[in-house]
Amino acid sequence: MTPEAFSTLAGRLGAAVQVRHVLDTTQFRVGGRAFATLNWPEAGWAVIKLTLRDQAGAMALSDAVTIEPRRPRNSGVTLVRLKGIDEDAMAYILAAAFREAYVKASRTRPGRGRGAMLAVAKDPG
């Protein structure tokens, strides 16, 4: 997977996805909450925030997915080596991360764009 393909997949998650460039990284956010960062910790990688359940599922999908070693084991912060993952697995992982960030954002900011995103926030599988 290329960084461009990653960005395309993240952008397809819905109109509420915000893109923010920070130094050499690209952050993908919904409702002010980051759910994925491209080119972190370095080029060719992404860090994605998942629930522990989704993290375990993502790790079962590909050897390119691992727990972020500098974080507590129960944080859900997940590293993905882009070269080692296929598009379908990445789409599933990004959708899970988006869905969780969306749910958390709507709890802290009730009523902000919820109706437009409910269809996108459903499980893709």
PDB file of N, CA and C in Angstrom:
ATOM      1  N   MET A   1       0.844  -1.176   0.000  1.00  0.00           N
ATOM      2  CA  MET A   1       0.000   0.000   0.000  1.00  0.00           C
ATOM      3  C   MET A   1       0.888   1.238   0.000  1.00  0.00           C
ATOM      4  N   THR A   2       0.492   2.206  -0.762  1.00  0.00           N
ATOM      5  CA  THR A   2       1.227   3.470  -0.828  1.00  0.00           C
ATOM      6  C   THR A   2       0.602   4.490   0.122  1.00  0.00           C
ATOM      7  N   PRO A   3       1.346   5.534   0.478  1.00  0.00           N
ATOM      8  CA  PRO A   3       0.759   6.604   1.296  1.00  0.00           C
ATOM      9  C   PRO A   3      -0.437   7.260   0.592  1.00  0.00           C
ATOM     10  N   GLU A   4      -0.376   7.357  -0.718  1.00  0.00           N
ATOM     11  CA  GLU A   4      -1.483   7.954  -1.471  1.00  0.00           C
ATOM     12  C   GLU A   4      -2.744   7.096  -1.357  1.00  0.00           C
ATOM     13  N   ALA A   5      -2.581   5.773  -1.468  1.00  0.00           N
ATOM     14  CA  ALA A   5      -3.725   4.870  -1.333  1.00  0.00           C
ATOM     15  C   ALA A   5      -4.304   4.944   0.078  1.00  0.00           C
ATOM     16  N   PHE A   6      -3.444   5.035   1.088  1.00  0.00           N
ATOM     17  CA  PHE A   6      -3.883   5.192   2.476  1.00  0.00           C
ATOM     18  C   PHE A   6      -4.734   6.453   2.609  1.00  0.00           C
ATOM     19  N   SER A   7      -4.234   7.566   2.075  1.00  0.00           N
ATOM     20  CA  SER A   7      -4.962   8.840   2.154  1.00  0.00           C
ATOM     21  C   SER A   7      -6.306   8.758   1.454  1.00  0.00           C
ATOM     22  N   THR A   8      -6.346   8.083   0.317  1.00  0.00           N
ATOM     23  CA  THR A   8      -7.602   7.912  -0.420  1.00  0.00           C
ATOM     24  C   THR A   8      -8.603   7.118   0.413  1.00  0.00           C
ATOM     25  N   LEU A   9      -8.157   6.013   1.000  1.00  0.00           N
ATOM     26  CA  LEU A   9      -9.046   5.204   1.844  1.00  0.00           C
ATOM     27  C   LEU A   9      -9.578   6.010   3.022  1.00  0.00           C
ATOM     28  N   ALA A  10      -8.708   6.730   3.697  1.00  0.00           N
ATOM     29  CA  ALA A  10      -9.133   7.528   4.849  1.00  0.00           C
ATOM     30  C   ALA A  10     -10.117   8.615   4.421  1.00  0.00           C
ATOM     31  N   GLY A  11      -9.872   9.234   3.288  1.00  0.00           N
ATOM     32  CA  GLY A  11     -10.757  10.285   2.799  1.00  0.00           C
ATOM     33  C   GLY A  11     -12.126   9.780   2.396  1.00  0.00           C
ATOM     34  N   ARG A  12     -12.218   8.524   2.011  1.00  0.00           N
ATOM     35  CA  ARG A  12     -13.497   7.926   1.606  1.00  0.00           C
ATOM     36  C   ARG A  12     -14.419   7.609   2.778  1.00  0.00           C
ATOM     37  N   LEU A  13     -13.923   7.751   3.982  1.00  0.00           N
ATOM     38  CA  LEU A  13     -14.732   7.401   5.147  1.00  0.00           C
ATOM     39  C   LEU A  13     -15.877   8.377   5.376  1.00  0.00           C
ATOM     40  N   GLY A  14     -15.833   9.534   4.779  1.00  0.00           N
ATOM     41  CA  GLY A  14     -16.957  10.451   4.898  1.00  0.00           C
ATOM     42  C   GLY A  14     -16.543  11.903   4.840  1.00  0.00           C
ATOM     43  N   ALA A  15     -17.535  12.725   4.629  1.00  0.00           N
ATOM     44  CA  ALA A  15     -17.309  14.163   4.502  1.00  0.00           C
ATOM     45  C   ALA A  15     -16.796  14.772   5.801  1.00  0.00           C
ATOM     46  N   ALA A  16     -17.014  14.095   6.917  1.00  0.00           N
ATOM     47  CA  ALA A  16     -16.588  14.641   8.207  1.00  0.00           C
ATOM     48  C   ALA A  16     -15.094  14.443   8.471  1.00  0.00           C
ATOM     49  N   VAL A  17     -14.398  13.695   7.618  1.00  0.00           N
ATOM     50  CA  VAL A  17     -12.966  13.475   7.825  1.00  0.00           C
ATOM     51  C   VAL A  17     -12.221  14.773   7.564  1.00  0.00           C
ATOM     52  N   GLN A  18     -11.445  15.179   8.551  1.00  0.00           N
ATOM     53  CA  GLN A  18     -10.626  16.381   8.430  1.00  0.00           C
ATOM     54  C   GLN A  18      -9.183  15.946   8.257  1.00  0.00           C
ATOM     55  N   VAL A  19      -8.466  16.607   7.358  1.00  0.00           N
ATOM     56  CA  VAL A  19      -7.061  16.293   7.113  1.00  0.00           C
ATOM     57  C   VAL A  19      -6.232  17.451   7.645  1.00  0.00           C
ATOM     58  N   ARG A  20      -5.224  17.110   8.418  1.00  0.00           N
ATOM     59  CA  ARG A  20      -4.365  18.137   9.012  1.00  0.00           C
ATOM     60  C   ARG A  20      -2.908  17.724   8.803  1.00  0.00           C
ATOM     61  N   HIS A  21      -2.135  18.589   8.199  1.00  0.00           N
ATOM     62  CA  HIS A  21      -0.724  18.312   7.960  1.00  0.00           C
ATOM     63  C   HIS A  21       0.093  18.877   9.122  1.00  0.00           C
ATOM     64  N   VAL A  22       0.889  18.015   9.736  1.00  0.00           N
ATOM     65  CA  VAL A  22       1.738  18.404  10.856  1.00  0.00           C
ATOM     66  C   VAL A  22       3.146  17.913  10.540  1.00  0.00           C
ATOM     67  N   LEU A  23       4.055  18.862  10.296  1.00  0.00           N
ATOM     68  CA  LEU A  23       5.421  18.533   9.890  1.00  0.00           C
ATOM     69  C   LEU A  23       5.373  17.596   8.690  1.00  0.00           C
ATOM     70  N   ASP A  24       5.975  16.412   8.773  1.00  0.00           N
ATOM     71  CA  ASP A  24       5.997  15.478   7.648  1.00  0.00           C
ATOM     72  C   ASP A  24       4.898  14.423   7.736  1.00  0.00           C
ATOM     73  N   THR A  25       3.915  14.637   8.591  1.00  0.00           N
ATOM     74  CA  THR A  25       2.834  13.662   8.757  1.00  0.00           C
ATOM     75  C   THR A  25       1.508  14.254   8.272  1.00  0.00           C
ATOM     76  N   THR A  26       0.560  13.365   8.076  1.00  0.00           N
ATOM     77  CA  THR A  26      -0.806  13.772   7.752  1.00  0.00           C
ATOM     78  C   THR A  26      -1.720  13.107   8.760  1.00  0.00           C
ATOM     79  N   GLN A  27      -2.490  13.919   9.456  1.00  0.00           N
ATOM     80  CA  GLN A  27      -3.397  13.424  10.488  1.00  0.00           C
ATOM     81  C   GLN A  27      -4.818  13.414   9.938  1.00  0.00           C
ATOM     82  N   PHE A  28      -5.539  12.337  10.198  1.00  0.00           N
ATOM     83  CA  PHE A  28      -6.930  12.212   9.789  1.00  0.00           C
ATOM     84  C   PHE A  28      -7.771  12.253  11.052  1.00  0.00           C
ATOM     85  N   ARG A  29      -8.772  13.144  11.048  1.00  0.00           N
ATOM     86  CA  ARG A  29      -9.546  13.415  12.245  1.00  0.00           C
ATOM     87  C   ARG A  29     -11.037  13.396  11.927  1.00  0.00           C
ATOM     88  N   VAL A  30     -11.835  13.161  12.966  1.00  0.00           N
ATOM     89  CA  VAL A  30     -13.280  13.308  12.886  1.00  0.00           C
ATOM     90  C   VAL A  30     -13.732  13.908  14.213  1.00  0.00           C
ATOM     91  N   GLY A  31     -14.539  14.942  14.130  1.00  0.00           N
ATOM     92  CA  GLY A  31     -15.017  15.594  15.344  1.00  0.00           C
ATOM     93  C   GLY A  31     -13.894  16.085  16.240  1.00  0.00           C
ATOM     94  N   GLY A  32     -12.774  16.470  15.648  1.00  0.00           N
ATOM     95  CA  GLY A  32     -11.645  16.964  16.417  1.00  0.00           C
ATOM     96  C   GLY A  32     -10.757  15.873  17.005  1.00  0.00           C
ATOM     97  N   ARG A  33     -11.087  14.608  16.768  1.00  0.00           N
ATOM     98  CA  ARG A  33     -10.307  13.490  17.307  1.00  0.00           C
ATOM     99  C   ARG A  33      -9.532  12.801  16.189  1.00  0.00           C
ATOM    100  N   ALA A  34      -8.238  12.652  16.394  1.00  0.00           N
ATOM    101  CA  ALA A  34      -7.407  11.952  15.416  1.00  0.00           C
ATOM    102  C   ALA A  34      -7.693  10.455  15.495  1.00  0.00           C
ATOM    103  N   PHE A  35      -7.838   9.820  14.338  1.00  0.00           N
ATOM    104  CA  PHE A  35      -7.987   8.370  14.327  1.00  0.00           C
ATOM    105  C   PHE A  35      -6.847   7.695  13.572  1.00  0.00           C
ATOM    106  N   ALA A  36      -6.095   8.455  12.776  1.00  0.00           N
ATOM    107  CA  ALA A  36      -4.958   7.886  12.047  1.00  0.00           C
ATOM    108  C   ALA A  36      -3.965   8.991  11.712  1.00  0.00           C
ATOM    109  N   THR A  37      -2.691   8.635  11.705  1.00  0.00           N
ATOM    110  CA  THR A  37      -1.628   9.553  11.299  1.00  0.00           C
ATOM    111  C   THR A  37      -0.711   8.825  10.338  1.00  0.00           C
ATOM    112  N   LEU A  38      -0.563   9.377   9.161  1.00  0.00           N
ATOM    113  CA  LEU A  38       0.274   8.805   8.109  1.00  0.00           C
ATOM    114  C   LEU A  38       1.704   9.318   8.246  1.00  0.00           C
ATOM    115  N   ASN A  39       2.658   8.452   7.978  1.00  0.00           N
ATOM    116  CA  ASN A  39       4.097   8.757   8.050  1.00  0.00           C
ATOM    117  C   ASN A  39       4.583   8.992   9.473  1.00  0.00           C
ATOM    118  N   TRP A  40       3.988   8.279  10.413  1.00  0.00           N
ATOM    119  CA  TRP A  40       4.447   8.297  11.789  1.00  0.00           C
ATOM    120  C   TRP A  40       4.604   6.863  12.247  1.00  0.00           C
ATOM    121  N   PRO A  41       5.634   6.445  12.860  1.00  0.00           N
ATOM    122  CA  PRO A  41       6.755   7.216  13.365  1.00  0.00           C
ATOM    123  C   PRO A  41       7.768   7.635  12.298  1.00  0.00           C
ATOM    124  N   GLU A  42       7.620   7.091  11.080  1.00  0.00           N
ATOM    125  CA  GLU A  42       8.488   7.521   9.963  1.00  0.00           C
ATOM    126  C   GLU A  42       7.759   7.221   8.665  1.00  0.00           C
ATOM    127  N   ALA A  43       8.325   7.674   7.568  1.00  0.00           N
ATOM    128  CA  ALA A  43       7.712   7.463   6.253  1.00  0.00           C
ATOM    129  C   ALA A  43       7.475   5.971   6.025  1.00  0.00           C
ATOM    130  N   GLY A  44       6.331   5.660   5.416  1.00  0.00           N
ATOM    131  CA  GLY A  44       5.999   4.270   5.126  1.00  0.00           C
ATOM    132  C   GLY A  44       5.239   3.564   6.235  1.00  0.00           C
ATOM    133  N   TRP A  45       4.927   4.287   7.290  1.00  0.00           N
ATOM    134  CA  TRP A  45       4.184   3.747   8.422  1.00  0.00           C
ATOM    135  C   TRP A  45       2.950   4.599   8.694  1.00  0.00           C
ATOM    136  N   ALA A  46       2.028   4.047   9.454  1.00  0.00           N
ATOM    137  CA  ALA A  46       0.887   4.807   9.955  1.00  0.00           C
ATOM    138  C   ALA A  46       0.624   4.366  11.387  1.00  0.00           C
ATOM    139  N   VAL A  47       0.135   5.276  12.187  1.00  0.00           N
ATOM    140  CA  VAL A  47      -0.304   4.944  13.539  1.00  0.00           C
ATOM    141  C   VAL A  47      -1.809   5.173  13.576  1.00  0.00           C
ATOM    142  N   ILE A  48      -2.515   4.182  14.114  1.00  0.00           N
ATOM    143  CA  ILE A  48      -3.978   4.198  14.102  1.00  0.00           C
ATOM    144  C   ILE A  48      -4.469   3.867  15.499  1.00  0.00           C
ATOM    145  N   LYS A  49      -5.457   4.606  15.974  1.00  0.00           N
ATOM    146  CA  LYS A  49      -6.026   4.403  17.309  1.00  0.00           C
ATOM    147  C   LYS A  49      -7.237   3.494  17.192  1.00  0.00           C
ATOM    148  N   LEU A  50      -7.142   2.312  17.810  1.00  0.00           N
ATOM    149  CA  LEU A  50      -8.208   1.314  17.759  1.00  0.00           C
ATOM    150  C   LEU A  50      -8.649   0.937  19.171  1.00  0.00           C
ATOM    151  N   THR A  51      -9.816   0.326  19.263  1.00  0.00           N
ATOM    152  CA  THR A  51     -10.180  -0.317  20.524  1.00  0.00           C
ATOM    153  C   THR A  51      -9.283  -1.539  20.667  1.00  0.00           C
ATOM    154  N   LEU A  52      -9.170  -2.076  21.863  1.00  0.00           N
ATOM    155  CA  LEU A  52      -8.342  -3.270  22.056  1.00  0.00           C
ATOM    156  C   LEU A  52      -8.865  -4.449  21.237  1.00  0.00           C
ATOM    157  N   ARG A  53     -10.173  -4.561  21.139  1.00  0.00           N
ATOM    158  CA  ARG A  53     -10.778  -5.639  20.332  1.00  0.00           C
ATOM    159  C   ARG A  53     -10.425  -5.474  18.861  1.00  0.00           C
ATOM    160  N   ASP A  54     -10.565  -4.251  18.350  1.00  0.00           N
ATOM    161  CA  ASP A  54     -10.233  -4.003  16.942  1.00  0.00           C
ATOM    162  C   ASP A  54      -8.731  -4.161  16.698  1.00  0.00           C
ATOM    163  N   GLN A  55      -7.925  -3.787  17.686  1.00  0.00           N
ATOM    164  CA  GLN A  55      -6.478  -3.947  17.547  1.00  0.00           C
ATOM    165  C   GLN A  55      -6.115  -5.426  17.411  1.00  0.00           C
ATOM    166  N   ALA A  56      -6.711  -6.263  18.231  1.00  0.00           N
ATOM    167  CA  ALA A  56      -6.451  -7.702  18.146  1.00  0.00           C
ATOM    168  C   ALA A  56      -6.885  -8.246  16.791  1.00  0.00           C
ATOM    169  N   GLY A  57      -8.034  -7.790  16.303  1.00  0.00           N
ATOM    170  CA  GLY A  57      -8.499  -8.224  14.986  1.00  0.00           C
ATOM    171  C   GLY A  57      -7.582  -7.761  13.876  1.00  0.00           C
ATOM    172  N   ALA A  58      -7.087  -6.540  13.976  1.00  0.00           N
ATOM    173  CA  ALA A  58      -6.180  -5.995  12.963  1.00  0.00           C
ATOM    174  C   ALA A  58      -4.872  -6.772  12.945  1.00  0.00           C
ATOM    175  N   MET A  59      -4.378  -7.119  14.123  1.00  0.00           N
ATOM    176  CA  MET A  59      -3.127  -7.874  14.193  1.00  0.00           C
ATOM    177  C   MET A  59      -3.294  -9.268  13.604  1.00  0.00           C
ATOM    178  N   ALA A  60      -4.494  -9.825  13.678  1.00  0.00           N
ATOM    179  CA  ALA A  60      -4.759 -11.143  13.086  1.00  0.00           C
ATOM    180  C   ALA A  60      -4.836 -11.059  11.557  1.00  0.00           C
ATOM    181  N   LEU A  61      -5.130  -9.879  11.019  1.00  0.00           N
ATOM    182  CA  LEU A  61      -5.244  -9.700   9.566  1.00  0.00           C
ATOM    183  C   LEU A  61      -3.895  -9.680   8.856  1.00  0.00           C
ATOM    184  N   SER A  62      -2.870  -9.146   9.526  1.00  0.00           N
ATOM    185  CA  SER A  62      -1.601  -8.939   8.823  1.00  0.00           C
ATOM    186  C   SER A  62      -0.436  -8.847   9.800  1.00  0.00           C
ATOM    187  N   ASP A  63       0.700  -9.378   9.369  1.00  0.00           N
ATOM    188  CA  ASP A  63       1.931  -9.243  10.157  1.00  0.00           C
ATOM    189  C   ASP A  63       2.468  -7.821  10.135  1.00  0.00           C
ATOM    190  N   ALA A  64       1.921  -6.979   9.267  1.00  0.00           N
ATOM    191  CA  ALA A  64       2.358  -5.582   9.170  1.00  0.00           C
ATOM    192  C   ALA A  64       1.741  -4.715  10.260  1.00  0.00           C
ATOM    193  N   VAL A  65       0.889  -5.294  11.094  1.00  0.00           N
ATOM    194  CA  VAL A  65       0.192  -4.567  12.160  1.00  0.00           C
ATOM    195  C   VAL A  65       0.772  -4.986  13.502  1.00  0.00           C
ATOM    196  N   THR A  66       1.102  -4.000  14.331  1.00  0.00           N
ATOM    197  CA  THR A  66       1.691  -4.296  15.635  1.00  0.00           C
ATOM    198  C   THR A  66       1.276  -3.238  16.663  1.00  0.00           C
ATOM    199  N   ILE A  67       1.446  -3.564  17.914  1.00  0.00           N
ATOM    200  CA  ILE A  67       1.193  -2.619  19.004  1.00  0.00           C
ATOM    201  C   ILE A  67       2.318  -1.591  19.019  1.00  0.00           C
ATOM    202  N   GLU A  68       1.988  -0.339  19.258  1.00  0.00           N
ATOM    203  CA  GLU A  68       2.993   0.711  19.367  1.00  0.00           C
ATOM    204  C   GLU A  68       3.812   0.429  20.627  1.00  0.00           C
ATOM    205  N   PRO A  69       5.111   0.148  20.488  1.00  0.00           N
ATOM    206  CA  PRO A  69       5.896  -0.313  21.633  1.00  0.00           C
ATOM    207  C   PRO A  69       6.139   0.721  22.734  1.00  0.00           C
ATOM    208  N   ARG A  70       6.017   1.997  22.441  1.00  0.00           N
ATOM    209  CA  ARG A  70       6.284   3.023  23.458  1.00  0.00           C
ATOM    210  C   ARG A  70       5.037   3.404  24.238  1.00  0.00           C
ATOM    211  N   ARG A  71       3.934   2.736  23.966  1.00  0.00           N
ATOM    212  CA  ARG A  71       2.667   3.029  24.653  1.00  0.00           C
ATOM    213  C   ARG A  71       2.301   1.870  25.581  1.00  0.00           C
ATOM    214  N   PRO A  72       1.455   2.146  26.567  1.00  0.00           N
ATOM    215  CA  PRO A  72       0.960   1.039  27.395  1.00  0.00           C
ATOM    216  C   PRO A  72       0.221   0.027  26.527  1.00  0.00           C
ATOM    217  N   ARG A  73       0.309  -1.219  26.877  1.00  0.00           N
ATOM    218  CA  ARG A  73      -0.287  -2.304  26.078  1.00  0.00           C
ATOM    219  C   ARG A  73      -1.802  -2.151  25.897  1.00  0.00           C
ATOM    220  N   ASN A  74      -2.464  -1.461  26.772  1.00  0.00           N
ATOM    221  CA  ASN A  74      -3.920  -1.359  26.681  1.00  0.00           C
ATOM    222  C   ASN A  74      -4.386  -0.032  26.077  1.00  0.00           C
ATOM    223  N   SER A  75      -3.533   0.640  25.310  1.00  0.00           N
ATOM    224  CA  SER A  75      -3.908   1.947  24.769  1.00  0.00           C
ATOM    225  C   SER A  75      -4.615   1.860  23.422  1.00  0.00           C
ATOM    226  N   GLY A  76      -4.426   0.765  22.691  1.00  0.00           N
ATOM    227  CA  GLY A  76      -5.034   0.636  21.371  1.00  0.00           C
ATOM    228  C   GLY A  76      -4.256   1.332  20.267  1.00  0.00           C
ATOM    229  N   VAL A  77      -3.141   1.959  20.606  1.00  0.00           N
ATOM    230  CA  VAL A  77      -2.328   2.635  19.598  1.00  0.00           C
ATOM    231  C   VAL A  77      -1.612   1.556  18.779  1.00  0.00           C
ATOM    232  N   THR A  78      -1.833   1.587  17.470  1.00  0.00           N
ATOM    233  CA  THR A  78      -1.437   0.509  16.584  1.00  0.00           C
ATOM    234  C   THR A  78      -0.571   1.034  15.448  1.00  0.00           C
ATOM    235  N   LEU A  79       0.545   0.356  15.183  1.00  0.00           N
ATOM    236  CA  LEU A  79       1.417   0.720  14.066  1.00  0.00           C
ATOM    237  C   LEU A  79       1.144  -0.196  12.881  1.00  0.00           C
ATOM    238  N   VAL A  80       1.156   0.392  11.687  1.00  0.00           N
ATOM    239  CA  VAL A  80       0.959  -0.382  10.461  1.00  0.00           C
ATOM    240  C   VAL A  80       2.064  -0.027   9.477  1.00  0.00           C
ATOM    241  N   ARG A  81       2.786  -1.049   9.016  1.00  0.00           N
ATOM    242  CA  ARG A  81       3.794  -0.866   7.969  1.00  0.00           C
ATOM    243  C   ARG A  81       3.056  -0.947   6.638  1.00  0.00           C
ATOM    244  N   LEU A  82       3.016   0.156   5.910  1.00  0.00           N
ATOM    245  CA  LEU A  82       2.197   0.236   4.707  1.00  0.00           C
ATOM    246  C   LEU A  82       2.594  -0.787   3.647  1.00  0.00           C
ATOM    247  N   LYS A  83       3.882  -1.029   3.491  1.00  0.00           N
ATOM    248  CA  LYS A  83       4.334  -1.988   2.469  1.00  0.00           C
ATOM    249  C   LYS A  83       3.784  -3.387   2.687  1.00  0.00           C
ATOM    250  N   GLY A  84       3.496  -3.738   3.912  1.00  0.00           N
ATOM    251  CA  GLY A  84       3.117  -5.105   4.222  1.00  0.00           C
ATOM    252  C   GLY A  84       1.638  -5.383   4.327  1.00  0.00           C
ATOM    253  N   ILE A  85       0.790  -4.409   4.014  1.00  0.00           N
ATOM    254  CA  ILE A  85      -0.654  -4.616   4.217  1.00  0.00           C
ATOM    255  C   ILE A  85      -1.414  -4.390   2.920  1.00  0.00           C
ATOM    256  N   ASP A  86      -2.466  -5.184   2.726  1.00  0.00           N
ATOM    257  CA  ASP A  86      -3.264  -5.006   1.506  1.00  0.00           C
ATOM    258  C   ASP A  86      -4.389  -3.988   1.755  1.00  0.00           C
ATOM    259  N   GLU A  87      -4.954  -3.531   0.660  1.00  0.00           N
ATOM    260  CA  GLU A  87      -5.945  -2.452   0.724  1.00  0.00           C
ATOM    261  C   GLU A  87      -7.200  -2.840   1.493  1.00  0.00           C
ATOM    262  N   ASP A  88      -7.679  -4.071   1.327  1.00  0.00           N
ATOM    263  CA  ASP A  88      -8.891  -4.489   2.033  1.00  0.00           C
ATOM    264  C   ASP A  88      -8.692  -4.488   3.549  1.00  0.00           C
ATOM    265  N   ALA A  89      -7.545  -4.995   3.998  1.00  0.00           N
ATOM    266  CA  ALA A  89      -7.267  -5.003   5.439  1.00  0.00           C
ATOM    267  C   ALA A  89      -7.155  -3.582   5.975  1.00  0.00           C
ATOM    268  N   MET A  90      -6.469  -2.714   5.223  1.00  0.00           N
ATOM    269  CA  MET A  90      -6.325  -1.326   5.676  1.00  0.00           C
ATOM    270  C   MET A  90      -7.667  -0.613   5.698  1.00  0.00           C
ATOM    271  N   ALA A  91      -8.515  -0.875   4.720  1.00  0.00           N
ATOM    272  CA  ALA A  91      -9.843  -0.250   4.701  1.00  0.00           C
ATOM    273  C   ALA A  91     -10.640  -0.650   5.943  1.00  0.00           C
ATOM    274  N   TYR A  92     -10.562  -1.914   6.305  1.00  0.00           N
ATOM    275  CA  TYR A  92     -11.267  -2.399   7.485  1.00  0.00           C
ATOM    276  C   TYR A  92     -10.733  -1.730   8.761  1.00  0.00           C
ATOM    277  N   ILE A  93      -9.408  -1.654   8.880  1.00  0.00           N
ATOM    278  CA  ILE A  93      -8.772  -1.057  10.054  1.00  0.00           C
ATOM    279  C   ILE A  93      -9.120   0.429  10.166  1.00  0.00           C
ATOM    280  N   LEU A  94      -9.033   1.147   9.053  1.00  0.00           N
ATOM    281  CA  LEU A  94      -9.366   2.578   9.076  1.00  0.00           C
ATOM    282  C   LEU A  94     -10.833   2.807   9.427  1.00  0.00           C
ATOM    283  N   ALA A  95     -11.720   1.965   8.893  1.00  0.00           N
ATOM    284  CA  ALA A  95     -13.149   2.111   9.206  1.00  0.00           C
ATOM    285  C   ALA A  95     -13.396   1.897  10.693  1.00  0.00           C
ATOM    286  N   ALA A  96     -12.719   0.918  11.289  1.00  0.00           N
ATOM    287  CA  ALA A  96     -12.872   0.668  12.730  1.00  0.00           C
ATOM    288  C   ALA A  96     -12.375   1.859  13.545  1.00  0.00           C
ATOM    289  N   ALA A  97     -11.232   2.416  13.150  1.00  0.00           N
ATOM    290  CA  ALA A  97     -10.672   3.569  13.866  1.00  0.00           C
ATOM    291  C   ALA A  97     -11.575   4.789  13.719  1.00  0.00           C
ATOM    292  N   PHE A  98     -12.066   5.034  12.518  1.00  0.00           N
ATOM    293  CA  PHE A  98     -12.968   6.149  12.266  1.00  0.00           C
ATOM    294  C   PHE A  98     -14.228   6.016  13.112  1.00  0.00           C
ATOM    295  N   ARG A  99     -14.810   4.825  13.101  1.00  0.00           N
ATOM    296  CA  ARG A  99     -16.063   4.575  13.829  1.00  0.00           C
ATOM    297  C   ARG A  99     -15.877   4.885  15.318  1.00  0.00           C
ATOM    298  N   GLU A 100     -14.787   4.421  15.909  1.00  0.00           N
ATOM    299  CA  GLU A 100     -14.543   4.656  17.337  1.00  0.00           C
ATOM    300  C   GLU A 100     -14.330   6.148  17.631  1.00  0.00           C
ATOM    301  N   ALA A 101     -13.553   6.819  16.798  1.00  0.00           N
ATOM    302  CA  ALA A 101     -13.319   8.257  16.993  1.00  0.00           C
ATOM    303  C   ALA A 101     -14.620   9.035  16.821  1.00  0.00           C
ATOM    304  N   TYR A 102     -15.430   8.627  15.864  1.00  0.00           N
ATOM    305  CA  TYR A 102     -16.707   9.285  15.623  1.00  0.00           C
ATOM    306  C   TYR A 102     -17.629   9.145  16.841  1.00  0.00           C
ATOM    307  N   VAL A 103     -17.712   7.937  17.366  1.00  0.00           N
ATOM    308  CA  VAL A 103     -18.569   7.696  18.532  1.00  0.00           C
ATOM    309  C   VAL A 103     -18.107   8.537  19.716  1.00  0.00           C
ATOM    310  N   LYS A 104     -16.804   8.555  19.965  1.00  0.00           N
ATOM    311  CA  LYS A 104     -16.280   9.350  21.085  1.00  0.00           C
ATOM    312  C   LYS A 104     -16.511  10.844  20.863  1.00  0.00           C
ATOM    313  N   ALA A 105     -16.333  11.302  19.636  1.00  0.00           N
ATOM    314  CA  ALA A 105     -16.548  12.721  19.339  1.00  0.00           C
ATOM    315  C   ALA A 105     -18.013  13.095  19.527  1.00  0.00           C
ATOM    316  N   SER A 106     -18.936  12.217  19.152  1.00  0.00           N
ATOM    317  CA  SER A 106     -20.345  12.566  19.299  1.00  0.00           C
ATOM    318  C   SER A 106     -20.801  12.524  20.747  1.00  0.00           C
ATOM    319  N   ARG A 107     -20.079  11.794  21.595  1.00  0.00           N
ATOM    320  CA  ARG A 107     -20.398  11.816  23.030  1.00  0.00           C
ATOM    321  C   ARG A 107     -19.963  13.129  23.661  1.00  0.00           C
ATOM    322  N   THR A 108     -18.836  13.669  23.213  1.00  0.00           N
ATOM    323  CA  THR A 108     -18.334  14.904  23.811  1.00  0.00           C
ATOM    324  C   THR A 108     -18.893  16.141  23.122  1.00  0.00           C
ATOM    325  N   ARG A 109     -19.373  15.982  21.907  1.00  0.00           N
ATOM    326  CA  ARG A 109     -19.940  17.107  21.151  1.00  0.00           C
ATOM    327  C   ARG A 109     -21.279  16.694  20.562  1.00  0.00           C
ATOM    328  N   PRO A 110     -22.299  16.558  21.370  1.00  0.00           N
ATOM    329  CA  PRO A 110     -23.585  16.070  20.882  1.00  0.00           C
ATOM    330  C   PRO A 110     -24.159  16.951  19.774  1.00  0.00           C
ATOM    331  N   GLY A 111     -24.709  16.269  18.777  1.00  0.00           N
ATOM    332  CA  GLY A 111     -25.415  16.969  17.717  1.00  0.00           C
ATOM    333  C   GLY A 111     -24.572  17.508  16.588  1.00  0.00           C
ATOM    334  N   ARG A 112     -23.277  17.334  16.595  1.00  0.00           N
ATOM    335  CA  ARG A 112     -22.430  17.889  15.537  1.00  0.00           C
ATOM    336  C   ARG A 112     -22.248  16.894  14.406  1.00  0.00           C
ATOM    337  N   GLY A 113     -23.064  16.981  13.398  1.00  0.00           N
ATOM    338  CA  GLY A 113     -22.885  16.196  12.197  1.00  0.00           C
ATOM    339  C   GLY A 113     -23.213  14.719  12.324  1.00  0.00           C
ATOM    340  N   ARG A 114     -23.904  14.317  13.349  1.00  0.00           N
ATOM    341  CA  ARG A 114     -24.163  12.893  13.566  1.00  0.00           C
ATOM    342  C   ARG A 114     -24.981  12.280  12.452  1.00  0.00           C
ATOM    343  N   GLY A 115     -26.025  12.931  11.998  1.00  0.00           N
ATOM    344  CA  GLY A 115     -26.904  12.353  10.995  1.00  0.00           C
ATOM    345  C   GLY A 115     -26.195  12.018   9.700  1.00  0.00           C
ATOM    346  N   ALA A 116     -25.307  12.869   9.266  1.00  0.00           N
ATOM    347  CA  ALA A 116     -24.606  12.655   8.012  1.00  0.00           C
ATOM    348  C   ALA A 116     -23.643  11.484   8.085  1.00  0.00           C
ATOM    349  N   MET A 117     -23.164  11.161   9.266  1.00  0.00           N
ATOM    350  CA  MET A 117     -22.115  10.159   9.367  1.00  0.00           C
ATOM    351  C   MET A 117     -22.599   8.795   9.854  1.00  0.00           C
ATOM    352  N   LEU A 118     -23.837   8.654  10.266  1.00  0.00           N
ATOM    353  CA  LEU A 118     -24.276   7.385  10.824  1.00  0.00           C
ATOM    354  C   LEU A 118     -24.114   6.234   9.844  1.00  0.00           C
ATOM    355  N   ALA A 119     -24.422   6.431   8.576  1.00  0.00           N
ATOM    356  CA  ALA A 119     -24.288   5.348   7.597  1.00  0.00           C
ATOM    357  C   ALA A 119     -22.829   4.951   7.422  1.00  0.00           C
ATOM    358  N   VAL A 120     -21.932   5.901   7.436  1.00  0.00           N
ATOM    359  CA  VAL A 120     -20.507   5.620   7.262  1.00  0.00           C
ATOM    360  C   VAL A 120     -19.946   4.922   8.490  1.00  0.00           C
ATOM    361  N   ALA A 121     -20.474   5.237   9.652  1.00  0.00           N
ATOM    362  CA  ALA A 121     -19.917   4.716  10.896  1.00  0.00           C
ATOM    363  C   ALA A 121     -20.276   3.258  11.146  1.00  0.00           C
ATOM    364  N   LYS A 122     -21.123   2.658  10.313  1.00  0.00           N
ATOM    365  CA  LYS A 122     -21.500   1.260  10.507  1.00  0.00           C
ATOM    366  C   LYS A 122     -20.364   0.337  10.115  1.00  0.00           C
ATOM    367  N   ASP A 123     -20.389  -0.854  10.650  1.00  0.00           N
ATOM    368  CA  ASP A 123     -19.368  -1.867  10.369  1.00  0.00           C
ATOM    369  C   ASP A 123     -19.359  -2.195   8.880  1.00  0.00           C
ATOM    370  N   PRO A 124     -18.176  -2.154   8.232  1.00  0.00           N
ATOM    371  CA  PRO A 124     -18.108  -2.406   6.793  1.00  0.00           C
ATOM    372  C   PRO A 124     -18.290  -3.871   6.422  1.00  0.00           C
ATOM    373  N   GLY A 125     -18.201  -4.764   7.363  1.00  0.00           N
ATOM    374  CA  GLY A 125     -18.259  -6.189   7.027  1.00  0.00           C
ATOM    375  C   GLY A 125     -19.522  -6.768   7.483  1.00  0.00           C
TER     376      GLY A 125
END
